[in-house]
Amino acid sequence: MRRGAVLAVLLLAGAATVPAHAQGQEGNPRAGRRLAAGVCSSCHGQDGIATLPEAPNLAGQNAAYVAAQLRAYRARERENEQMNIVARELTDGQIADLAAWYAAIEVTATVPGR
């Protein structure tokens, strides 16, 4: 039992040295909102509703999905000239913050005919 307690303490101590974003924790939506206003809003809109027909709406998207796509653009695993340029400058923390912001926007849908 004592060995298990020691192992638990060591694991917790090691986790404390890993940045929160690397642990898969959520980003800061407020920081993401500020970042999106300066970088993303010209195409994806201030509120995550796209202003350009070729840009997707990001409002209400799943945070894990948004983060994965931004990382893919940054690594050039996903190609889009504008997104590759923007994403290459983003840190893991900024990606988590942007993903948290877009996920925090509540979107409602109305099913036609109901």
N, C-alpha and C. Protein backbone atom coordinates (compact mmCIF):
# COMPACT_ATOMS: atom_id res chain seq x y z
N MET A 1 0.82 -1.18 0.00
CA MET A 1 0.00 0.00 0.00
C MET A 1 0.87 1.25 0.00
N ARG A 2 1.95 1.22 0.76
CA ARG A 2 2.81 2.39 0.84
C ARG A 2 3.45 2.69 -0.51
N ARG A 3 3.82 1.66 -1.26
CA ARG A 3 4.42 1.86 -2.57
C ARG A 3 3.43 2.56 -3.50
N GLY A 4 2.16 2.22 -3.41
CA GLY A 4 1.12 2.87 -4.21
C GLY A 4 0.98 4.33 -3.87
N ALA A 5 1.09 4.67 -2.58
CA ALA A 5 0.99 6.07 -2.16
C ALA A 5 2.19 6.86 -2.67
N VAL A 6 3.37 6.26 -2.62
CA VAL A 6 4.57 6.94 -3.12
C VAL A 6 4.44 7.16 -4.62
N LEU A 7 3.96 6.16 -5.35
CA LEU A 7 3.78 6.28 -6.79
C LEU A 7 2.78 7.39 -7.11
N ALA A 8 1.70 7.46 -6.37
CA ALA A 8 0.69 8.50 -6.59
C ALA A 8 1.28 9.88 -6.37
N VAL A 9 2.08 10.05 -5.35
CA VAL A 9 2.71 11.35 -5.07
C VAL A 9 3.66 11.72 -6.21
N LEU A 10 4.44 10.75 -6.68
CA LEU A 10 5.37 11.03 -7.77
C LEU A 10 4.63 11.40 -9.05
N LEU A 11 3.55 10.71 -9.34
CA LEU A 11 2.76 11.03 -10.54
C LEU A 11 2.16 12.42 -10.44
N LEU A 12 1.63 12.77 -9.29
CA LEU A 12 1.05 14.09 -9.10
C LEU A 12 2.12 15.17 -9.19
N ALA A 13 3.27 14.92 -8.63
CA ALA A 13 4.36 15.89 -8.70
C ALA A 13 4.81 16.09 -10.14
N GLY A 14 4.88 15.02 -10.89
CA GLY A 14 5.25 15.12 -12.30
C GLY A 14 4.20 15.85 -13.12
N ALA A 15 2.94 15.62 -12.83
CA ALA A 15 1.86 16.29 -13.54
C ALA A 15 1.88 17.79 -13.29
N ALA A 16 2.32 18.19 -12.12
CA ALA A 16 2.35 19.61 -11.78
C ALA A 16 3.36 20.37 -12.62
N THR A 17 4.35 19.67 -13.17
CA THR A 17 5.37 20.35 -13.98
C THR A 17 4.99 20.42 -15.44
N VAL A 18 3.93 19.74 -15.85
CA VAL A 18 3.48 19.75 -17.23
C VAL A 18 2.47 20.88 -17.39
N PRO A 19 2.62 21.72 -18.42
CA PRO A 19 1.66 22.80 -18.61
C PRO A 19 0.23 22.28 -18.71
N ALA A 20 -0.72 23.08 -18.24
CA ALA A 20 -2.13 22.66 -18.23
C ALA A 20 -2.61 22.28 -19.62
N HIS A 21 -2.21 23.03 -20.66
CA HIS A 21 -2.68 22.73 -22.00
C HIS A 21 -2.15 21.38 -22.49
N ALA A 22 -0.96 21.00 -22.07
CA ALA A 22 -0.40 19.72 -22.47
C ALA A 22 -1.11 18.57 -21.78
N GLN A 23 -1.78 18.86 -20.67
CA GLN A 23 -2.52 17.83 -19.97
C GLN A 23 -3.92 17.65 -20.54
N GLY A 24 -4.27 18.41 -21.57
CA GLY A 24 -5.57 18.27 -22.18
C GLY A 24 -6.66 19.05 -21.46
N GLN A 25 -6.28 19.96 -20.56
CA GLN A 25 -7.27 20.75 -19.87
C GLN A 25 -7.76 21.85 -20.81
N GLU A 26 -8.93 22.37 -20.47
CA GLU A 26 -9.53 23.39 -21.30
C GLU A 26 -8.73 24.67 -21.27
N GLY A 27 -8.83 25.42 -22.36
CA GLY A 27 -8.22 26.72 -22.44
C GLY A 27 -9.10 27.77 -21.78
N ASN A 28 -8.70 29.00 -21.90
CA ASN A 28 -9.39 30.13 -21.31
C ASN A 28 -10.24 30.80 -22.39
N PRO A 29 -11.58 30.69 -22.30
CA PRO A 29 -12.44 31.29 -23.33
C PRO A 29 -12.27 32.80 -23.45
N ARG A 30 -12.03 33.49 -22.34
CA ARG A 30 -11.87 34.95 -22.40
C ARG A 30 -10.61 35.32 -23.18
N ALA A 31 -9.53 34.58 -22.95
CA ALA A 31 -8.30 34.82 -23.70
C ALA A 31 -8.51 34.47 -25.17
N GLY A 32 -9.24 33.39 -25.41
CA GLY A 32 -9.55 32.99 -26.78
C GLY A 32 -10.39 34.02 -27.50
N ARG A 33 -11.33 34.63 -26.79
CA ARG A 33 -12.17 35.68 -27.39
C ARG A 33 -11.30 36.87 -27.83
N ARG A 34 -10.37 37.28 -26.96
CA ARG A 34 -9.48 38.39 -27.31
C ARG A 34 -8.62 38.04 -28.53
N LEU A 35 -8.09 36.83 -28.55
CA LEU A 35 -7.26 36.41 -29.66
C LEU A 35 -8.07 36.32 -30.96
N ALA A 36 -9.26 35.76 -30.87
CA ALA A 36 -10.12 35.62 -32.04
C ALA A 36 -10.49 36.98 -32.62
N ALA A 37 -10.71 37.96 -31.76
CA ALA A 37 -11.08 39.30 -32.22
C ALA A 37 -9.99 39.91 -33.09
N GLY A 38 -8.75 39.59 -32.78
CA GLY A 38 -7.64 40.16 -33.53
C GLY A 38 -7.20 39.35 -34.72
N VAL A 39 -7.43 38.06 -34.70
CA VAL A 39 -6.86 37.19 -35.73
C VAL A 39 -7.93 36.52 -36.59
N CYS A 40 -8.97 36.03 -35.97
CA CYS A 40 -9.91 35.14 -36.64
C CYS A 40 -11.17 35.82 -37.18
N SER A 41 -11.53 36.95 -36.57
CA SER A 41 -12.84 37.54 -36.84
C SER A 41 -13.02 38.04 -38.27
N SER A 42 -11.94 38.38 -38.95
CA SER A 42 -12.11 38.89 -40.32
C SER A 42 -12.70 37.84 -41.26
N CYS A 43 -12.51 36.58 -40.97
CA CYS A 43 -13.08 35.51 -41.79
C CYS A 43 -14.20 34.76 -41.06
N HIS A 44 -13.98 34.47 -39.78
CA HIS A 44 -14.91 33.64 -39.02
C HIS A 44 -15.90 34.44 -38.18
N GLY A 45 -15.82 35.77 -38.26
CA GLY A 45 -16.76 36.63 -37.56
C GLY A 45 -16.43 36.80 -36.09
N GLN A 46 -16.85 37.93 -35.54
CA GLN A 46 -16.61 38.25 -34.13
C GLN A 46 -17.23 37.22 -33.21
N ASP A 47 -18.37 36.66 -33.61
CA ASP A 47 -19.10 35.71 -32.78
C ASP A 47 -19.00 34.27 -33.28
N GLY A 48 -18.05 34.02 -34.18
CA GLY A 48 -17.86 32.66 -34.70
C GLY A 48 -18.77 32.31 -35.86
N ILE A 49 -19.57 33.27 -36.33
CA ILE A 49 -20.40 33.06 -37.51
C ILE A 49 -19.66 33.71 -38.67
N ALA A 50 -19.28 32.90 -39.64
CA ALA A 50 -18.40 33.33 -40.72
C ALA A 50 -18.95 34.52 -41.49
N THR A 51 -18.02 35.40 -41.86
CA THR A 51 -18.36 36.57 -42.67
C THR A 51 -18.05 36.32 -44.14
N LEU A 52 -17.29 35.31 -44.43
CA LEU A 52 -16.95 34.94 -45.80
C LEU A 52 -17.63 33.62 -46.15
N PRO A 53 -18.14 33.48 -47.37
CA PRO A 53 -18.85 32.24 -47.73
C PRO A 53 -17.98 30.99 -47.68
N GLU A 54 -16.67 31.14 -47.92
CA GLU A 54 -15.79 29.96 -47.92
C GLU A 54 -15.24 29.61 -46.53
N ALA A 55 -15.52 30.44 -45.54
CA ALA A 55 -15.03 30.18 -44.17
C ALA A 55 -16.12 29.47 -43.37
N PRO A 56 -15.75 28.48 -42.59
CA PRO A 56 -16.76 27.78 -41.78
C PRO A 56 -17.15 28.58 -40.53
N ASN A 57 -18.36 28.35 -40.07
CA ASN A 57 -18.78 28.87 -38.77
C ASN A 57 -18.05 28.07 -37.70
N LEU A 58 -17.56 28.75 -36.69
CA LEU A 58 -16.85 28.08 -35.60
C LEU A 58 -17.63 28.11 -34.29
N ALA A 59 -18.65 28.95 -34.22
CA ALA A 59 -19.46 29.06 -33.01
C ALA A 59 -20.06 27.71 -32.64
N GLY A 60 -19.88 27.32 -31.38
CA GLY A 60 -20.47 26.09 -30.88
C GLY A 60 -19.73 24.81 -31.25
N GLN A 61 -18.63 24.93 -31.97
CA GLN A 61 -17.88 23.73 -32.34
C GLN A 61 -17.25 23.08 -31.11
N ASN A 62 -17.07 21.79 -31.17
CA ASN A 62 -16.43 21.03 -30.11
C ASN A 62 -14.98 21.50 -29.96
N ALA A 63 -14.57 21.79 -28.73
CA ALA A 63 -13.24 22.32 -28.48
C ALA A 63 -12.13 21.37 -28.96
N ALA A 64 -12.30 20.09 -28.73
CA ALA A 64 -11.28 19.12 -29.15
C ALA A 64 -11.13 19.13 -30.67
N TYR A 65 -12.24 19.27 -31.38
CA TYR A 65 -12.21 19.32 -32.84
C TYR A 65 -11.48 20.56 -33.33
N VAL A 66 -11.85 21.73 -32.78
CA VAL A 66 -11.20 22.98 -33.19
C VAL A 66 -9.70 22.91 -32.92
N ALA A 67 -9.33 22.45 -31.75
CA ALA A 67 -7.91 22.35 -31.39
C ALA A 67 -7.17 21.41 -32.34
N ALA A 68 -7.77 20.28 -32.65
CA ALA A 68 -7.13 19.31 -33.55
C ALA A 68 -6.93 19.91 -34.94
N GLN A 69 -7.92 20.65 -35.43
CA GLN A 69 -7.80 21.24 -36.75
C GLN A 69 -6.74 22.33 -36.78
N LEU A 70 -6.69 23.16 -35.74
CA LEU A 70 -5.66 24.20 -35.69
C LEU A 70 -4.26 23.60 -35.61
N ARG A 71 -4.12 22.53 -34.84
CA ARG A 71 -2.81 21.86 -34.78
C ARG A 71 -2.45 21.26 -36.14
N ALA A 72 -3.43 20.72 -36.84
CA ALA A 72 -3.19 20.15 -38.17
C ALA A 72 -2.79 21.23 -39.17
N TYR A 73 -3.43 22.39 -39.11
CA TYR A 73 -3.02 23.51 -39.97
C TYR A 73 -1.60 23.96 -39.63
N ARG A 74 -1.31 24.04 -38.34
CA ARG A 74 0.02 24.49 -37.90
C ARG A 74 1.10 23.53 -38.40
N ALA A 75 0.83 22.24 -38.36
CA ALA A 75 1.79 21.22 -38.79
C ALA A 75 1.77 20.99 -40.30
N ARG A 76 0.89 21.70 -41.00
CA ARG A 76 0.69 21.56 -42.44
C ARG A 76 0.20 20.16 -42.81
N GLU A 77 -0.44 19.49 -41.88
CA GLU A 77 -1.09 18.21 -42.16
C GLU A 77 -2.43 18.46 -42.84
N ARG A 78 -2.94 19.67 -42.68
CA ARG A 78 -4.16 20.12 -43.34
C ARG A 78 -3.78 21.40 -44.06
N GLU A 79 -4.16 21.51 -45.33
CA GLU A 79 -3.71 22.62 -46.17
C GLU A 79 -4.81 23.63 -46.45
N ASN A 80 -4.51 24.86 -46.14
CA ASN A 80 -5.28 26.02 -46.54
C ASN A 80 -4.31 27.18 -46.39
N GLU A 81 -4.05 27.88 -47.47
CA GLU A 81 -2.99 28.89 -47.45
C GLU A 81 -3.13 29.88 -46.29
N GLN A 82 -4.31 30.44 -46.12
CA GLN A 82 -4.51 31.43 -45.06
C GLN A 82 -4.41 30.79 -43.67
N MET A 83 -5.04 29.65 -43.48
CA MET A 83 -5.03 29.00 -42.16
C MET A 83 -3.64 28.50 -41.79
N ASN A 84 -2.88 28.01 -42.76
CA ASN A 84 -1.51 27.58 -42.47
C ASN A 84 -0.65 28.75 -41.99
N ILE A 85 -0.85 29.92 -42.60
CA ILE A 85 -0.10 31.11 -42.19
C ILE A 85 -0.49 31.52 -40.77
N VAL A 86 -1.78 31.58 -40.49
CA VAL A 86 -2.26 32.01 -39.17
C VAL A 86 -1.86 31.00 -38.10
N ALA A 87 -2.10 29.73 -38.37
CA ALA A 87 -1.89 28.69 -37.35
C ALA A 87 -0.42 28.47 -37.01
N ARG A 88 0.47 28.72 -37.94
CA ARG A 88 1.89 28.45 -37.66
C ARG A 88 2.42 29.30 -36.51
N GLU A 89 1.78 30.43 -36.24
CA GLU A 89 2.21 31.33 -35.17
C GLU A 89 1.55 31.01 -33.83
N LEU A 90 0.56 30.13 -33.80
CA LEU A 90 -0.18 29.84 -32.57
C LEU A 90 0.57 28.88 -31.67
N THR A 91 0.57 29.17 -30.39
CA THR A 91 1.12 28.25 -29.39
C THR A 91 0.04 27.24 -29.02
N ASP A 92 0.43 26.19 -28.31
CA ASP A 92 -0.55 25.22 -27.82
C ASP A 92 -1.57 25.90 -26.91
N GLY A 93 -1.11 26.81 -26.07
CA GLY A 93 -2.00 27.53 -25.17
C GLY A 93 -3.01 28.39 -25.93
N GLN A 94 -2.56 29.07 -26.96
CA GLN A 94 -3.46 29.90 -27.76
C GLN A 94 -4.49 29.04 -28.49
N ILE A 95 -4.05 27.89 -28.98
CA ILE A 95 -4.99 26.98 -29.63
C ILE A 95 -6.05 26.51 -28.64
N ALA A 96 -5.64 26.16 -27.44
CA ALA A 96 -6.60 25.74 -26.41
C ALA A 96 -7.56 26.87 -26.07
N ASP A 97 -7.05 28.09 -26.00
CA ASP A 97 -7.90 29.24 -25.68
C ASP A 97 -8.91 29.50 -26.79
N LEU A 98 -8.46 29.46 -28.04
CA LEU A 98 -9.39 29.66 -29.16
C LEU A 98 -10.46 28.57 -29.19
N ALA A 99 -10.04 27.34 -28.99
CA ALA A 99 -10.99 26.23 -28.99
C ALA A 99 -12.02 26.39 -27.87
N ALA A 100 -11.57 26.83 -26.71
CA ALA A 100 -12.48 27.04 -25.58
C ALA A 100 -13.46 28.16 -25.88
N TRP A 101 -12.99 29.23 -26.54
CA TRP A 101 -13.87 30.35 -26.89
C TRP A 101 -14.97 29.90 -27.85
N TYR A 102 -14.60 29.26 -28.93
CA TYR A 102 -15.61 28.86 -29.91
C TYR A 102 -16.57 27.82 -29.34
N ALA A 103 -16.07 26.93 -28.49
CA ALA A 103 -16.95 25.93 -27.86
C ALA A 103 -17.91 26.58 -26.87
N ALA A 104 -17.50 27.70 -26.28
CA ALA A 104 -18.34 28.36 -25.27
C ALA A 104 -19.52 29.12 -25.88
N ILE A 105 -19.47 29.39 -27.17
CA ILE A 105 -20.56 30.11 -27.83
C ILE A 105 -21.73 29.15 -28.00
N GLU A 106 -22.87 29.54 -27.46
CA GLU A 106 -24.05 28.69 -27.55
C GLU A 106 -24.77 28.93 -28.88
N VAL A 107 -25.08 27.85 -29.54
CA VAL A 107 -25.76 27.90 -30.83
C VAL A 107 -27.05 27.11 -30.69
N THR A 108 -28.13 27.65 -31.23
CA THR A 108 -29.39 26.93 -31.24
C THR A 108 -29.76 26.61 -32.68
N ALA A 109 -30.49 25.54 -32.84
CA ALA A 109 -30.92 25.13 -34.18
C ALA A 109 -32.42 24.89 -34.18
N THR A 110 -33.02 25.20 -35.29
CA THR A 110 -34.45 24.96 -35.46
C THR A 110 -34.60 23.97 -36.59
N VAL A 111 -35.28 22.88 -36.32
CA VAL A 111 -35.52 21.85 -37.32
C VAL A 111 -36.72 22.31 -38.17
N PRO A 112 -36.58 22.36 -39.50
CA PRO A 112 -37.68 22.81 -40.34
C PRO A 112 -38.90 21.88 -40.21
N GLY A 113 -40.06 22.46 -40.30
CA GLY A 113 -41.28 21.67 -40.27
C GLY A 113 -41.75 21.26 -38.90
N ARG A 114 -41.21 21.82 -37.85
CA ARG A 114 -41.66 21.47 -36.50
C ARG A 114 -42.27 22.64 -35.83
